[in-house]
Amino acid sequence: HASREFYIGKLEGKECVVVQCGVGK
């Protein structure tokens, strides 16, 4: 989404989504 990769899965049993945002506001 919006030229970014979002990783969806379980971490420590919790539903999570992880993304690297890039530099700047």
mmCIF file of all heavy atoms, coordinates in Angstrom:
data_MODEL
# 
_entry.id   MODEL 
# 
loop_
_atom_site.group_PDB 
_atom_site.id 
_atom_site.type_symbol 
_atom_site.label_atom_id 
_atom_site.label_alt_id 
_atom_site.label_comp_id 
_atom_site.label_asym_id 
_atom_site.label_entity_id 
_atom_site.label_seq_id 
_atom_site.pdbx_PDB_ins_code 
_atom_site.Cartn_x 
_atom_site.Cartn_y 
_atom_site.Cartn_z 
_atom_site.occupancy 
_atom_site.B_iso_or_equiv 
_atom_site.pdbx_formal_charge 
_atom_site.auth_seq_id 
_atom_site.auth_comp_id 
_atom_site.auth_asym_id 
_atom_site.auth_atom_id 
_atom_site.pdbx_PDB_model_num 
ATOM 1   N N   . HIS A 1 1  ? 0.863  -1.184  0.000  1.00 0.00 ? 1  HIS A N   1 
ATOM 2   C CA  . HIS A 1 1  ? 0.000  0.000   0.000  1.00 0.00 ? 1  HIS A CA  1 
ATOM 3   C C   . HIS A 1 1  ? 0.898  1.233   0.000  1.00 0.00 ? 1  HIS A C   1 
ATOM 4   O O   . HIS A 1 1  ? 1.912  1.274   0.709  1.00 0.00 ? 1  HIS A O   1 
ATOM 5   C CB  . HIS A 1 1  ? -0.895 0.037   1.244  1.00 0.00 ? 1  HIS A CB  1 
ATOM 6   C CG  . HIS A 1 1  ? -1.745 -1.173  1.431  1.00 0.00 ? 1  HIS A CG  1 
ATOM 7   N ND1 . HIS A 1 1  ? -2.883 -1.400  0.689  1.00 0.00 ? 1  HIS A ND1 1 
ATOM 8   C CD2 . HIS A 1 1  ? -1.612 -2.224  2.280  1.00 0.00 ? 1  HIS A CD2 1 
ATOM 9   C CE1 . HIS A 1 1  ? -3.420 -2.541  1.074  1.00 0.00 ? 1  HIS A CE1 1 
ATOM 10  N NE2 . HIS A 1 1  ? -2.676 -3.056  2.037  1.00 0.00 ? 1  HIS A NE2 1 
ATOM 11  N N   . ALA A 1 2  ? 0.531  2.234   -0.781 1.00 0.00 ? 2  ALA A N   1 
ATOM 12  C CA  . ALA A 1 2  ? 1.258  3.512   -0.805 1.00 0.00 ? 2  ALA A CA  1 
ATOM 13  C C   . ALA A 1 2  ? 2.763  3.298   -0.999 1.00 0.00 ? 2  ALA A C   1 
ATOM 14  O O   . ALA A 1 2  ? 3.585  3.943   -0.340 1.00 0.00 ? 2  ALA A O   1 
ATOM 15  C CB  . ALA A 1 2  ? 0.986  4.298   0.475  1.00 0.00 ? 2  ALA A CB  1 
ATOM 16  N N   . SER A 1 3  ? 3.099  2.366   -1.899 1.00 0.00 ? 3  SER A N   1 
ATOM 17  C CA  . SER A 1 3  ? 4.497  2.070   -2.251 1.00 0.00 ? 3  SER A CA  1 
ATOM 18  C C   . SER A 1 3  ? 5.310  1.498   -1.096 1.00 0.00 ? 3  SER A C   1 
ATOM 19  O O   . SER A 1 3  ? 6.540  1.544   -1.109 1.00 0.00 ? 3  SER A O   1 
ATOM 20  C CB  . SER A 1 3  ? 5.203  3.322   -2.790 1.00 0.00 ? 3  SER A CB  1 
ATOM 21  O OG  . SER A 1 3  ? 4.539  3.829   -3.921 1.00 0.00 ? 3  SER A OG  1 
ATOM 22  N N   . ARG A 1 4  ? 4.624  0.913   -0.103 1.00 0.00 ? 4  ARG A N   1 
ATOM 23  C CA  . ARG A 1 4  ? 5.304  0.295   1.028  1.00 0.00 ? 4  ARG A CA  1 
ATOM 24  C C   . ARG A 1 4  ? 4.840  -1.132  1.208  1.00 0.00 ? 4  ARG A C   1 
ATOM 25  O O   . ARG A 1 4  ? 3.701  -1.469  0.874  1.00 0.00 ? 4  ARG A O   1 
ATOM 26  C CB  . ARG A 1 4  ? 5.019  1.086   2.323  1.00 0.00 ? 4  ARG A CB  1 
ATOM 27  C CG  . ARG A 1 4  ? 5.726  2.403   2.380  1.00 0.00 ? 4  ARG A CG  1 
ATOM 28  C CD  . ARG A 1 4  ? 5.042  3.376   3.307  1.00 0.00 ? 4  ARG A CD  1 
ATOM 29  N NE  . ARG A 1 4  ? 5.790  4.617   3.382  1.00 0.00 ? 4  ARG A NE  1 
ATOM 30  C CZ  . ARG A 1 4  ? 5.782  5.548   2.420  1.00 0.00 ? 4  ARG A CZ  1 
ATOM 31  N NH1 . ARG A 1 4  ? 5.047  5.377   1.323  1.00 0.00 ? 4  ARG A NH1 1 
ATOM 32  N NH2 . ARG A 1 4  ? 6.491  6.648   2.548  1.00 0.00 ? 4  ARG A NH2 1 
ATOM 33  N N   . GLU A 1 5  ? 5.723  -1.950  1.753  1.00 0.00 ? 5  GLU A N   1 
ATOM 34  C CA  . GLU A 1 5  ? 5.381  -3.334  2.034  1.00 0.00 ? 5  GLU A CA  1 
ATOM 35  C C   . GLU A 1 5  ? 4.996  -3.477  3.502  1.00 0.00 ? 5  GLU A C   1 
ATOM 36  O O   . GLU A 1 5  ? 5.738  -3.058  4.394  1.00 0.00 ? 5  GLU A O   1 
ATOM 37  C CB  . GLU A 1 5  ? 6.558  -4.253  1.707  1.00 0.00 ? 5  GLU A CB  1 
ATOM 38  C CG  . GLU A 1 5  ? 6.847  -4.329  0.208  1.00 0.00 ? 5  GLU A CG  1 
ATOM 39  C CD  . GLU A 1 5  ? 7.967  -5.294  -0.123 1.00 0.00 ? 5  GLU A CD  1 
ATOM 40  O OE1 . GLU A 1 5  ? 8.812  -5.565  0.763  1.00 0.00 ? 5  GLU A OE1 1 
ATOM 41  O OE2 . GLU A 1 5  ? 7.999  -5.785  -1.270 1.00 0.00 ? 5  GLU A OE2 1 
ATOM 42  N N   . PHE A 1 6  ? 3.825  -4.048  3.726  1.00 0.00 ? 6  PHE A N   1 
ATOM 43  C CA  . PHE A 1 6  ? 3.306  -4.278  5.066  1.00 0.00 ? 6  PHE A CA  1 
ATOM 44  C C   . PHE A 1 6  ? 3.296  -5.785  5.321  1.00 0.00 ? 6  PHE A C   1 
ATOM 45  O O   . PHE A 1 6  ? 2.699  -6.543  4.545  1.00 0.00 ? 6  PHE A O   1 
ATOM 46  C CB  . PHE A 1 6  ? 1.898  -3.692  5.207  1.00 0.00 ? 6  PHE A CB  1 
ATOM 47  C CG  . PHE A 1 6  ? 1.871  -2.191  5.150  1.00 0.00 ? 6  PHE A CG  1 
ATOM 48  C CD1 . PHE A 1 6  ? 1.977  -1.520  3.934  1.00 0.00 ? 6  PHE A CD1 1 
ATOM 49  C CD2 . PHE A 1 6  ? 1.754  -1.440  6.313  1.00 0.00 ? 6  PHE A CD2 1 
ATOM 50  C CE1 . PHE A 1 6  ? 1.966  -0.134  3.875  1.00 0.00 ? 6  PHE A CE1 1 
ATOM 51  C CE2 . PHE A 1 6  ? 1.751  -0.045  6.260  1.00 0.00 ? 6  PHE A CE2 1 
ATOM 52  C CZ  . PHE A 1 6  ? 1.854  0.603   5.049  1.00 0.00 ? 6  PHE A CZ  1 
ATOM 53  N N   . TYR A 1 7  ? 3.946  -6.193  6.409  1.00 0.00 ? 7  TYR A N   1 
ATOM 54  C CA  . TYR A 1 7  ? 4.073  -7.612  6.745  1.00 0.00 ? 7  TYR A CA  1 
ATOM 55  C C   . TYR A 1 7  ? 3.056  -7.947  7.825  1.00 0.00 ? 7  TYR A C   1 
ATOM 56  O O   . TYR A 1 7  ? 3.088  -7.377  8.916  1.00 0.00 ? 7  TYR A O   1 
ATOM 57  C CB  . TYR A 1 7  ? 5.494  -7.922  7.198  1.00 0.00 ? 7  TYR A CB  1 
ATOM 58  C CG  . TYR A 1 7  ? 6.511  -7.644  6.117  1.00 0.00 ? 7  TYR A CG  1 
ATOM 59  C CD1 . TYR A 1 7  ? 7.114  -6.394  6.016  1.00 0.00 ? 7  TYR A CD1 1 
ATOM 60  C CD2 . TYR A 1 7  ? 6.825  -8.612  5.169  1.00 0.00 ? 7  TYR A CD2 1 
ATOM 61  C CE1 . TYR A 1 7  ? 8.029  -6.123  4.999  1.00 0.00 ? 7  TYR A CE1 1 
ATOM 62  C CE2 . TYR A 1 7  ? 7.736  -8.356  4.152  1.00 0.00 ? 7  TYR A CE2 1 
ATOM 63  C CZ  . TYR A 1 7  ? 8.327  -7.109  4.080  1.00 0.00 ? 7  TYR A CZ  1 
ATOM 64  O OH  . TYR A 1 7  ? 9.221  -6.844  3.063  1.00 0.00 ? 7  TYR A OH  1 
ATOM 65  N N   . ILE A 1 8  ? 2.160  -8.860  7.516  1.00 0.00 ? 8  ILE A N   1 
ATOM 66  C CA  . ILE A 1 8  ? 1.058  -9.208  8.407  1.00 0.00 ? 8  ILE A CA  1 
ATOM 67  C C   . ILE A 1 8  ? 1.238  -10.637 8.889  1.00 0.00 ? 8  ILE A C   1 
ATOM 68  O O   . ILE A 1 8  ? 1.498  -11.549 8.097  1.00 0.00 ? 8  ILE A O   1 
ATOM 69  C CB  . ILE A 1 8  ? -0.303 -9.070  7.682  1.00 0.00 ? 8  ILE A CB  1 
ATOM 70  C CG1 . ILE A 1 8  ? -0.457 -7.667  7.093  1.00 0.00 ? 8  ILE A CG1 1 
ATOM 71  C CG2 . ILE A 1 8  ? -1.460 -9.385  8.630  1.00 0.00 ? 8  ILE A CG2 1 
ATOM 72  C CD1 . ILE A 1 8  ? -0.162 -7.589  5.622  1.00 0.00 ? 8  ILE A CD1 1 
ATOM 73  N N   . GLY A 1 9  ? 1.105  -10.828 10.189 1.00 0.00 ? 9  GLY A N   1 
ATOM 74  C CA  . GLY A 1 9  ? 1.233  -12.162 10.760 1.00 0.00 ? 9  GLY A CA  1 
ATOM 75  C C   . GLY A 1 9  ? 1.130  -12.108 12.267 1.00 0.00 ? 9  GLY A C   1 
ATOM 76  O O   . GLY A 1 9  ? 0.669  -11.103 12.833 1.00 0.00 ? 9  GLY A O   1 
ATOM 77  N N   . LYS A 1 10 ? 1.599  -13.169 12.924 1.00 0.00 ? 10 LYS A N   1 
ATOM 78  C CA  . LYS A 1 10 ? 1.565  -13.226 14.384 1.00 0.00 ? 10 LYS A CA  1 
ATOM 79  C C   . LYS A 1 10 ? 2.968  -13.100 14.943 1.00 0.00 ? 10 LYS A C   1 
ATOM 80  O O   . LYS A 1 10 ? 3.904  -13.748 14.477 1.00 0.00 ? 10 LYS A O   1 
ATOM 81  C CB  . LYS A 1 10 ? 0.940  -14.542 14.857 1.00 0.00 ? 10 LYS A CB  1 
ATOM 82  C CG  . LYS A 1 10 ? -0.568 -14.587 14.733 1.00 0.00 ? 10 LYS A CG  1 
ATOM 83  C CD  . LYS A 1 10 ? -1.136 -15.803 15.452 1.00 0.00 ? 10 LYS A CD  1 
ATOM 84  C CE  . LYS A 1 10 ? -2.661 -15.782 15.440 1.00 0.00 ? 10 LYS A CE  1 
ATOM 85  N NZ  . LYS A 1 10 ? -3.224 -16.937 16.186 1.00 0.00 ? 10 LYS A NZ  1 
ATOM 86  N N   . LEU A 1 11 ? 3.098  -12.233 15.956 1.00 0.00 ? 11 LEU A N   1 
ATOM 87  C CA  . LEU A 1 11 ? 4.329  -12.086 16.719 1.00 0.00 ? 11 LEU A CA  1 
ATOM 88  C C   . LEU A 1 11 ? 4.003  -12.312 18.186 1.00 0.00 ? 11 LEU A C   1 
ATOM 89  O O   . LEU A 1 11 ? 3.108  -11.648 18.724 1.00 0.00 ? 11 LEU A O   1 
ATOM 90  C CB  . LEU A 1 11 ? 4.915  -10.685 16.545 1.00 0.00 ? 11 LEU A CB  1 
ATOM 91  C CG  . LEU A 1 11 ? 5.944  -10.446 15.441 1.00 0.00 ? 11 LEU A CG  1 
ATOM 92  C CD1 . LEU A 1 11 ? 6.236  -8.959  15.308 1.00 0.00 ? 11 LEU A CD1 1 
ATOM 93  C CD2 . LEU A 1 11 ? 7.214  -11.223 15.707 1.00 0.00 ? 11 LEU A CD2 1 
ATOM 94  N N   . GLU A 1 12 ? 4.680  -13.261 18.790 1.00 0.00 ? 12 GLU A N   1 
ATOM 95  C CA  . GLU A 1 12 ? 4.418  -13.587 20.195 1.00 0.00 ? 12 GLU A CA  1 
ATOM 96  C C   . GLU A 1 12 ? 2.925  -13.819 20.433 1.00 0.00 ? 12 GLU A C   1 
ATOM 97  O O   . GLU A 1 12 ? 2.367  -13.431 21.459 1.00 0.00 ? 12 GLU A O   1 
ATOM 98  C CB  . GLU A 1 12 ? 4.944  -12.481 21.120 1.00 0.00 ? 12 GLU A CB  1 
ATOM 99  C CG  . GLU A 1 12 ? 6.415  -12.157 20.932 1.00 0.00 ? 12 GLU A CG  1 
ATOM 100 C CD  . GLU A 1 12 ? 7.336  -13.351 21.175 1.00 0.00 ? 12 GLU A CD  1 
ATOM 101 O OE1 . GLU A 1 12 ? 6.950  -14.241 21.986 1.00 0.00 ? 12 GLU A OE1 1 
ATOM 102 O OE2 . GLU A 1 12 ? 8.423  -13.406 20.576 1.00 0.00 ? 12 GLU A OE2 1 
ATOM 103 N N   . GLY A 1 13 ? 2.275  -14.431 19.454 1.00 0.00 ? 13 GLY A N   1 
ATOM 104 C CA  . GLY A 1 13 ? 0.863  -14.781 19.572 1.00 0.00 ? 13 GLY A CA  1 
ATOM 105 C C   . GLY A 1 13 ? -0.101 -13.653 19.297 1.00 0.00 ? 13 GLY A C   1 
ATOM 106 O O   . GLY A 1 13 ? -1.325 -13.851 19.373 1.00 0.00 ? 13 GLY A O   1 
ATOM 107 N N   . LYS A 1 14 ? 0.387  -12.466 18.956 1.00 0.00 ? 14 LYS A N   1 
ATOM 108 C CA  . LYS A 1 14 ? -0.474 -11.303 18.694 1.00 0.00 ? 14 LYS A CA  1 
ATOM 109 C C   . LYS A 1 14 ? -0.518 -11.003 17.193 1.00 0.00 ? 14 LYS A C   1 
ATOM 110 O O   . LYS A 1 14 ? 0.486  -11.115 16.498 1.00 0.00 ? 14 LYS A O   1 
ATOM 111 C CB  . LYS A 1 14 ? 0.047  -10.064 19.429 1.00 0.00 ? 14 LYS A CB  1 
ATOM 112 C CG  . LYS A 1 14 ? 0.242  -10.240 20.923 1.00 0.00 ? 14 LYS A CG  1 
ATOM 113 C CD  . LYS A 1 14 ? -1.042 -10.512 21.649 1.00 0.00 ? 14 LYS A CD  1 
ATOM 114 C CE  . LYS A 1 14 ? -0.899 -10.362 23.158 1.00 0.00 ? 14 LYS A CE  1 
ATOM 115 N NZ  . LYS A 1 14 ? 0.170  -11.191 23.765 1.00 0.00 ? 14 LYS A NZ  1 
ATOM 116 N N   . GLU A 1 15 ? -1.711 -10.652 16.711 1.00 0.00 ? 15 GLU A N   1 
ATOM 117 C CA  . GLU A 1 15 ? -1.852 -10.234 15.321 1.00 0.00 ? 15 GLU A CA  1 
ATOM 118 C C   . GLU A 1 15 ? -1.176 -8.879  15.130 1.00 0.00 ? 15 GLU A C   1 
ATOM 119 O O   . GLU A 1 15 ? -1.504 -7.908  15.816 1.00 0.00 ? 15 GLU A O   1 
ATOM 120 C CB  . GLU A 1 15 ? -3.329 -10.122 14.946 1.00 0.00 ? 15 GLU A CB  1 
ATOM 121 C CG  . GLU A 1 15 ? -4.103 -11.443 15.023 1.00 0.00 ? 15 GLU A CG  1 
ATOM 122 C CD  . GLU A 1 15 ? -3.750 -12.378 13.879 1.00 0.00 ? 15 GLU A CD  1 
ATOM 123 O OE1 . GLU A 1 15 ? -3.159 -11.916 12.884 1.00 0.00 ? 15 GLU A OE1 1 
ATOM 124 O OE2 . GLU A 1 15 ? -4.076 -13.578 13.980 1.00 0.00 ? 15 GLU A OE2 1 
ATOM 125 N N   . CYS A 1 16 ? -0.210 -8.832  14.210 1.00 0.00 ? 16 CYS A N   1 
ATOM 126 C CA  . CYS A 1 16 ? 0.580  -7.619  14.017 1.00 0.00 ? 16 CYS A CA  1 
ATOM 127 C C   . CYS A 1 16 ? 0.745  -7.316  12.533 1.00 0.00 ? 16 CYS A C   1 
ATOM 128 O O   . CYS A 1 16 ? 0.653  -8.196  11.682 1.00 0.00 ? 16 CYS A O   1 
ATOM 129 C CB  . CYS A 1 16 ? 1.976  -7.785  14.626 1.00 0.00 ? 16 CYS A CB  1 
ATOM 130 S SG  . CYS A 1 16 ? 2.008  -7.970  16.413 1.00 0.00 ? 16 CYS A SG  1 
ATOM 131 N N   . VAL A 1 17 ? 1.031  -6.043  12.265 1.00 0.00 ? 17 VAL A N   1 
ATOM 132 C CA  . VAL A 1 17 ? 1.449  -5.626  10.926 1.00 0.00 ? 17 VAL A CA  1 
ATOM 133 C C   . VAL A 1 17 ? 2.669  -4.730  11.106 1.00 0.00 ? 17 VAL A C   1 
ATOM 134 O O   . VAL A 1 17 ? 2.665  -3.807  11.923 1.00 0.00 ? 17 VAL A O   1 
ATOM 135 C CB  . VAL A 1 17 ? 0.312  -4.918  10.156 1.00 0.00 ? 17 VAL A CB  1 
ATOM 136 C CG1 . VAL A 1 17 ? -0.283 -3.773  10.938 1.00 0.00 ? 17 VAL A CG1 1 
ATOM 137 C CG2 . VAL A 1 17 ? 0.801  -4.450  8.791  1.00 0.00 ? 17 VAL A CG2 1 
ATOM 138 N N   . VAL A 1 18 ? 3.728  -5.056  10.358 1.00 0.00 ? 18 VAL A N   1 
ATOM 139 C CA  . VAL A 1 18 ? 5.019  -4.391  10.503 1.00 0.00 ? 18 VAL A CA  1 
ATOM 140 C C   . VAL A 1 18 ? 5.365  -3.680  9.199  1.00 0.00 ? 18 VAL A C   1 
ATOM 141 O O   . VAL A 1 18 ? 5.207  -4.244  8.112  1.00 0.00 ? 18 VAL A O   1 
ATOM 142 C CB  . VAL A 1 18 ? 6.128  -5.406  10.859 1.00 0.00 ? 18 VAL A CB  1 
ATOM 143 C CG1 . VAL A 1 18 ? 7.485  -4.712  10.966 1.00 0.00 ? 18 VAL A CG1 1 
ATOM 144 C CG2 . VAL A 1 18 ? 5.799  -6.129  12.157 1.00 0.00 ? 18 VAL A CG2 1 
ATOM 145 N N   . VAL A 1 19 ? 5.877  -2.446  9.313  1.00 0.00 ? 19 VAL A N   1 
ATOM 146 C CA  . VAL A 1 19 ? 6.248  -1.688  8.118  1.00 0.00 ? 19 VAL A CA  1 
ATOM 147 C C   . VAL A 1 19 ? 7.469  -0.830  8.430  1.00 0.00 ? 19 VAL A C   1 
ATOM 148 O O   . VAL A 1 19 ? 7.647  -0.363  9.553  1.00 0.00 ? 19 VAL A O   1 
ATOM 149 C CB  . VAL A 1 19 ? 5.076  -0.794  7.639  1.00 0.00 ? 19 VAL A CB  1 
ATOM 150 C CG1 . VAL A 1 19 ? 4.686  0.223   8.697  1.00 0.00 ? 19 VAL A CG1 1 
ATOM 151 C CG2 . VAL A 1 19 ? 5.411  -0.099  6.315  1.00 0.00 ? 19 VAL A CG2 1 
ATOM 152 N N   . GLN A 1 20 ? 8.322  -0.652  7.424  1.00 0.00 ? 20 GLN A N   1 
ATOM 153 C CA  . GLN A 1 20 ? 9.379  0.348   7.506  1.00 0.00 ? 20 GLN A CA  1 
ATOM 154 C C   . GLN A 1 20 ? 8.846  1.618   6.856  1.00 0.00 ? 20 GLN A C   1 
ATOM 155 O O   . GLN A 1 20 ? 8.460  1.607   5.691  1.00 0.00 ? 20 GLN A O   1 
ATOM 156 C CB  . GLN A 1 20 ? 10.646 -0.108  6.797  1.00 0.00 ? 20 GLN A CB  1 
ATOM 157 C CG  . GLN A 1 20 ? 11.780 0.904   6.941  1.00 0.00 ? 20 GLN A CG  1 
ATOM 158 C CD  . GLN A 1 20 ? 12.988 0.563   6.103  1.00 0.00 ? 20 GLN A CD  1 
ATOM 159 O OE1 . GLN A 1 20 ? 12.931 -0.320  5.259  1.00 0.00 ? 20 GLN A OE1 1 
ATOM 160 N NE2 . GLN A 1 20 ? 14.079 1.267   6.315  1.00 0.00 ? 20 GLN A NE2 1 
ATOM 161 N N   . CYS A 1 21 ? 8.857  2.724   7.605  1.00 0.00 ? 21 CYS A N   1 
ATOM 162 C CA  . CYS A 1 21 ? 8.158  3.915   7.107  1.00 0.00 ? 21 CYS A CA  1 
ATOM 163 C C   . CYS A 1 21 ? 8.991  4.742   6.146  1.00 0.00 ? 21 CYS A C   1 
ATOM 164 O O   . CYS A 1 21 ? 8.437  5.414   5.269  1.00 0.00 ? 21 CYS A O   1 
ATOM 165 C CB  . CYS A 1 21 ? 7.677  4.784   8.259  1.00 0.00 ? 21 CYS A CB  1 
ATOM 166 S SG  . CYS A 1 21 ? 8.973  5.563   9.227  1.00 0.00 ? 21 CYS A SG  1 
ATOM 167 N N   . GLY A 1 22 ? 10.315 4.738   6.275  1.00 0.00 ? 22 GLY A N   1 
ATOM 168 C CA  . GLY A 1 22 ? 11.137 5.655   5.510  1.00 0.00 ? 22 GLY A CA  1 
ATOM 169 C C   . GLY A 1 22 ? 11.436 6.903   6.325  1.00 0.00 ? 22 GLY A C   1 
ATOM 170 O O   . GLY A 1 22 ? 10.874 7.117   7.399  1.00 0.00 ? 22 GLY A O   1 
ATOM 171 N N   . VAL A 1 23 ? 12.317 7.753   5.794  1.00 0.00 ? 23 VAL A N   1 
ATOM 172 C CA  . VAL A 1 23 ? 12.819 8.913   6.539  1.00 0.00 ? 23 VAL A CA  1 
ATOM 173 C C   . VAL A 1 23 ? 11.889 10.110  6.362  1.00 0.00 ? 23 VAL A C   1 
ATOM 174 O O   . VAL A 1 23 ? 11.410 10.391  5.261  1.00 0.00 ? 23 VAL A O   1 
ATOM 175 C CB  . VAL A 1 23 ? 14.235 9.277   6.063  1.00 0.00 ? 23 VAL A CB  1 
ATOM 176 C CG1 . VAL A 1 23 ? 14.740 10.537  6.773  1.00 0.00 ? 23 VAL A CG1 1 
ATOM 177 C CG2 . VAL A 1 23 ? 15.191 8.118   6.302  1.00 0.00 ? 23 VAL A CG2 1 
ATOM 178 N N   . GLY A 1 24 ? 11.632 10.827  7.447  1.00 0.00 ? 24 GLY A N   1 
ATOM 179 C CA  . GLY A 1 24 ? 10.901 12.085  7.372  1.00 0.00 ? 24 GLY A CA  1 
ATOM 180 C C   . GLY A 1 24 ? 9.449  11.979  7.770  1.00 0.00 ? 24 GLY A C   1 
ATOM 181 O O   . GLY A 1 24 ? 8.847  10.897  7.809  1.00 0.00 ? 24 GLY A O   1 
ATOM 182 N N   . LYS A 1 25 ? 8.858  13.141  8.041  1.00 0.00 ? 25 LYS A N   1 
ATOM 183 C CA  . LYS A 1 25 ? 7.505  13.194  8.596  1.00 0.00 ? 25 LYS A CA  1 
ATOM 184 C C   . LYS A 1 25 ? 6.433  12.744  7.603  1.00 0.00 ? 25 LYS A C   1 
ATOM 185 O O   . LYS A 1 25 ? 5.464  12.088  7.999  1.00 0.00 ? 25 LYS A O   1 
ATOM 186 C CB  . LYS A 1 25 ? 7.203  14.605  9.091  1.00 0.00 ? 25 LYS A CB  1 
ATOM 187 C CG  . LYS A 1 25 ? 8.060  15.031  10.275 1.00 0.00 ? 25 LYS A CG  1 
ATOM 188 C CD  . LYS A 1 25 ? 7.589  16.362  10.844 1.00 0.00 ? 25 LYS A CD  1 
ATOM 189 C CE  . LYS A 1 25 ? 7.686  17.455  9.815  1.00 0.00 ? 25 LYS A CE  1 
ATOM 190 N NZ  . LYS A 1 25 ? 7.246  18.764  10.301 1.00 0.00 ? 25 LYS A NZ  1 
# 
